[in-house]
C-alpha atoms as a PDB file:
ATOM      1  CA  UNK A   1     -20.383 -36.872   8.494  1.00  0.00           C
ATOM      2  CA  UNK A   2     -19.605 -33.160  10.450  1.00  0.00           C
ATOM      3  CA  UNK A   3     -17.390 -33.551  13.273  1.00  0.00           C
ATOM      4  CA  UNK A   4     -19.608 -32.711  16.698  1.00  0.00           C
ATOM      5  CA  UNK A   5     -18.791 -29.359  18.768  1.00  0.00           C
ATOM      6  CA  UNK A   6     -18.292 -29.739  22.145  1.00  0.00           C
ATOM      7  CA  UNK A   7     -21.745 -28.696  23.145  1.00  0.00           C
ATOM      8  CA  UNK A   8     -22.757 -31.394  20.885  1.00  0.00           C
ATOM      9  CA  UNK A   9     -20.367 -34.204  22.664  1.00  0.00           C
ATOM     10  CA  UNK A  10     -21.410 -32.306  26.086  1.00  0.00           C
ATOM     11  CA  UNK A  11     -25.402 -32.666  25.764  1.00  0.00           C
ATOM     12  CA  UNK A  12     -25.002 -36.553  24.185  1.00  0.00           C
ATOM     13  CA  UNK A  13     -23.727 -37.987  27.486  1.00  0.00           C
ATOM     14  CA  UNK A  14     -25.630 -39.981  29.844  1.00  0.00           C
ATOM     15  CA  UNK A  15     -26.478 -39.319  33.232  1.00  0.00           C
ATOM     16  CA  UNK A  16     -28.322 -40.101  36.224  1.00  0.00           C
ATOM     17  CA  UNK A  17     -30.562 -37.394  38.310  1.00  0.00           C
ATOM     18  CA  UNK A  18     -32.294 -38.794  41.215  1.00  0.00           C
ATOM     19  CA  UNK A  19     -31.789 -42.398  41.105  1.00  0.00           C
ATOM     20  CA  UNK A  20     -32.720 -42.052  37.455  1.00  0.00           C
ATOM     21  CA  UNK A  21     -30.765 -42.958  34.488  1.00  0.00           C
ATOM     22  CA  UNK A  22     -30.930 -41.194  31.239  1.00  0.00           C
ATOM     23  CA  UNK A  23     -28.682 -42.970  28.481  1.00  0.00           C
ATOM     24  CA  UNK A  24     -28.219 -41.157  25.292  1.00  0.00           C
ATOM     25  CA  UNK A  25     -28.067 -43.441  22.409  1.00  0.00           C
ATOM     26  CA  UNK A  26     -28.452 -40.655  19.982  1.00  0.00           C
ATOM     27  CA  UNK A  27     -29.048 -37.390  19.614  1.00  0.00           C
ATOM     28  CA  UNK A  28     -29.771 -34.561  16.568  1.00  0.00           C
ATOM     29  CA  UNK A  29     -29.680 -30.770  17.050  1.00  0.00           C
ATOM     30  CA  UNK A  30     -31.210 -28.950  14.024  1.00  0.00           C
ATOM     31  CA  UNK A  31     -30.613 -25.590  14.292  1.00  0.00           C
ATOM     32  CA  UNK A  32     -33.133 -23.253  12.531  1.00  0.00           C
ATOM     33  CA  UNK A  33     -32.330 -20.064  10.146  1.00  0.00           C
ATOM     34  CA  UNK A  34     -33.678 -17.865  13.515  1.00  0.00           C
ATOM     35  CA  UNK A  35     -31.326 -19.219  15.565  1.00  0.00           C
ATOM     36  CA  UNK A  36     -33.575 -21.534  17.674  1.00  0.00           C
ATOM     37  CA  UNK A  37     -32.884 -25.213  17.881  1.00  0.00           C
ATOM     38  CA  UNK A  38     -34.601 -28.696  18.170  1.00  0.00           C
ATOM     39  CA  UNK A  39     -32.708 -31.715  20.528  1.00  0.00           C
ATOM     40  CA  UNK A  40     -33.818 -34.754  19.413  1.00  0.00           C
ATOM     41  CA  UNK A  41     -32.738 -37.256  21.733  1.00  0.00           C
ATOM     42  CA  UNK A  42     -33.372 -41.286  21.814  1.00  0.00           C
ATOM     43  CA  UNK A  43     -33.042 -42.511  25.577  1.00  0.00           C
ATOM     44  CA  UNK A  44     -32.961 -45.846  27.548  1.00  0.00           C
ATOM     45  CA  UNK A  45     -34.456 -44.726  30.806  1.00  0.00           C
ATOM     46  CA  UNK A  46     -33.784 -47.072  33.654  1.00  0.00           C
ATOM     47  CA  UNK A  47     -34.930 -46.965  37.460  1.00  0.00           C
ATOM     48  CA  UNK A  48     -34.508 -49.349  39.895  1.00  0.00           C
ATOM     49  CA  UNK A  49     -37.361 -51.670  40.421  1.00  0.00           C
ATOM     50  CA  UNK A  50     -38.907 -50.900  36.811  1.00  0.00           C
ATOM     51  CA  UNK A  51     -38.451 -52.015  33.080  1.00  0.00           C
ATOM     52  CA  UNK A  52     -36.052 -49.667  31.340  1.00  0.00           C
ATOM     53  CA  UNK A  53     -37.690 -47.557  28.803  1.00  0.00           C
ATOM     54  CA  UNK A  54     -36.923 -46.098  25.570  1.00  0.00           C
ATOM     55  CA  UNK A  55     -38.282 -42.487  24.508  1.00  0.00           C
ATOM     56  CA  UNK A  56     -37.802 -40.288  21.675  1.00  0.00           C
ATOM     57  CA  UNK A  57     -38.144 -36.671  23.001  1.00  0.00           C
ATOM     58  CA  UNK A  58     -38.155 -33.783  21.501  1.00  0.00           C
ATOM     59  CA  UNK A  59     -37.190 -30.508  23.432  1.00  0.00           C
ATOM     60  CA  UNK A  60     -37.314 -27.148  21.390  1.00  0.00           C
ATOM     61  CA  UNK A  61     -34.849 -24.701  22.271  1.00  0.00           C
ATOM     62  CA  UNK A  62     -35.715 -21.093  21.918  1.00  0.00           C
ATOM     63  CA  UNK A  63     -33.310 -19.544  24.111  1.00  0.00           C
ATOM     64  CA  UNK A  64     -31.256 -17.915  21.641  1.00  0.00           C
ATOM     65  CA  UNK A  65     -28.528 -16.710  23.904  1.00  0.00           C
ATOM     66  CA  UNK A  66     -27.161 -20.203  23.946  1.00  0.00           C
ATOM     67  CA  UNK A  67     -26.771 -20.554  19.892  1.00  0.00           C
ATOM     68  CA  UNK A  68     -23.002 -19.785  20.072  1.00  0.00           C
ATOM     69  CA  UNK A  69     -22.393 -22.252  22.555  1.00  0.00           C
ATOM     70  CA  UNK A  70     -24.119 -24.788  20.556  1.00  0.00           C
ATOM     71  CA  UNK A  71     -22.059 -23.884  17.351  1.00  0.00           C
ATOM     72  CA  UNK A  72     -18.692 -23.191  18.813  1.00  0.00           C
ATOM     73  CA  UNK A  73     -15.536 -25.081  18.499  1.00  0.00           C
ATOM     74  CA  UNK A  74     -14.508 -23.886  21.681  1.00  0.00           C
ATOM     75  CA  UNK A  75     -17.382 -22.563  24.100  1.00  0.00           C
ATOM     76  CA  UNK A  76     -16.636 -20.732  27.123  1.00  0.00           C
ATOM     77  CA  UNK A  77     -16.515 -23.728  29.813  1.00  0.00           C
ATOM     78  CA  UNK A  78     -19.065 -22.021  32.386  1.00  0.00           C
ATOM     79  CA  UNK A  79     -21.904 -21.950  29.590  1.00  0.00           C
ATOM     80  CA  UNK A  80     -21.428 -24.819  28.033  1.00  0.00           C
ATOM     81  CA  UNK A  81     -21.893 -26.450  31.474  1.00  0.00           C
ATOM     82  CA  UNK A  82     -24.814 -24.058  32.282  1.00  0.00           C
ATOM     83  CA  UNK A  83     -26.680 -24.915  28.810  1.00  0.00           C
ATOM     84  CA  UNK A  84     -25.857 -28.980  29.349  1.00  0.00           C
ATOM     85  CA  UNK A  85     -27.782 -28.241  33.193  1.00  0.00           C
ATOM     86  CA  UNK A  86     -30.540 -26.407  31.880  1.00  0.00           C
ATOM     87  CA  UNK A  87     -30.850 -29.205  29.106  1.00  0.00           C
ATOM     88  CA  UNK A  88     -30.762 -31.969  31.635  1.00  0.00           C
ATOM     89  CA  UNK A  89     -33.019 -30.062  33.878  1.00  0.00           C
ATOM     90  CA  UNK A  90     -35.859 -30.194  31.071  1.00  0.00           C
ATOM     91  CA  UNK A  91     -35.593 -34.160  30.211  1.00  0.00           C
ATOM     92  CA  UNK A  92     -35.984 -34.680  34.159  1.00  0.00           C
ATOM     93  CA  UNK A  93     -38.879 -32.226  33.927  1.00  0.00           C
ATOM     94  CA  UNK A  94     -40.236 -34.049  30.986  1.00  0.00           C
ATOM     95  CA  UNK A  95     -40.003 -37.407  32.360  1.00  0.00           C
ATOM     96  CA  UNK A  96     -41.328 -36.537  35.869  1.00  0.00           C
ATOM     97  CA  UNK A  97     -44.419 -34.488  34.258  1.00  0.00           C
ATOM     98  CA  UNK A  98     -45.410 -36.686  31.315  1.00  0.00           C
ATOM     99  CA  UNK A  99     -47.744 -38.822  32.478  1.00  0.00           C
ATOM    100  CA  UNK A 100     -50.226 -36.091  33.327  1.00  0.00           C
ATOM    101  CA  UNK A 101     -49.064 -32.667  31.480  1.00  0.00           C
ATOM    102  CA  UNK A 102     -50.114 -32.450  28.236  1.00  0.00           C
ATOM    103  CA  UNK A 103     -47.071 -30.294  26.911  1.00  0.00           C
ATOM    104  CA  UNK A 104     -44.871 -32.530  28.327  1.00  0.00           C
ATOM    105  CA  UNK A 105     -46.398 -35.728  27.048  1.00  0.00           C
ATOM    106  CA  UNK A 106     -46.216 -34.380  23.495  1.00  0.00           C
ATOM    107  CA  UNK A 107     -42.550 -33.747  23.852  1.00  0.00           C
ATOM    108  CA  UNK A 108     -41.999 -37.687  23.816  1.00  0.00           C
ATOM    109  CA  UNK A 109     -43.145 -40.789  22.461  1.00  0.00           C
ATOM    110  CA  UNK A 110     -42.367 -44.247  23.718  1.00  0.00           C
ATOM    111  CA  UNK A 111     -40.407 -46.596  21.356  1.00  0.00           C
ATOM    112  CA  UNK A 112     -40.906 -50.613  21.661  1.00  0.00           C
END
């Protein structure tokens, strides 16, 4: 198994946003020849007063300006932080819109 890059380690960290806990159990990053990337998360999502839900979410990442951050053994800390914030924002947006936005709904599937 290949060693994880700093970006892979940072993106695989669990986080809490607005009372919702996103526990990352797995992250797969697929790099494509055109420098686009697909991030596939396995998450346990917990909110107070609700049962925990398990999901697999696929985030296409076409922003090639972060390709170096994703693959670098020593990315610039500010750019790494920006990448993590952007990806977490996408996960939050997916969570909030999956029930009523078709594009978001297609990105995730609920796990048993």
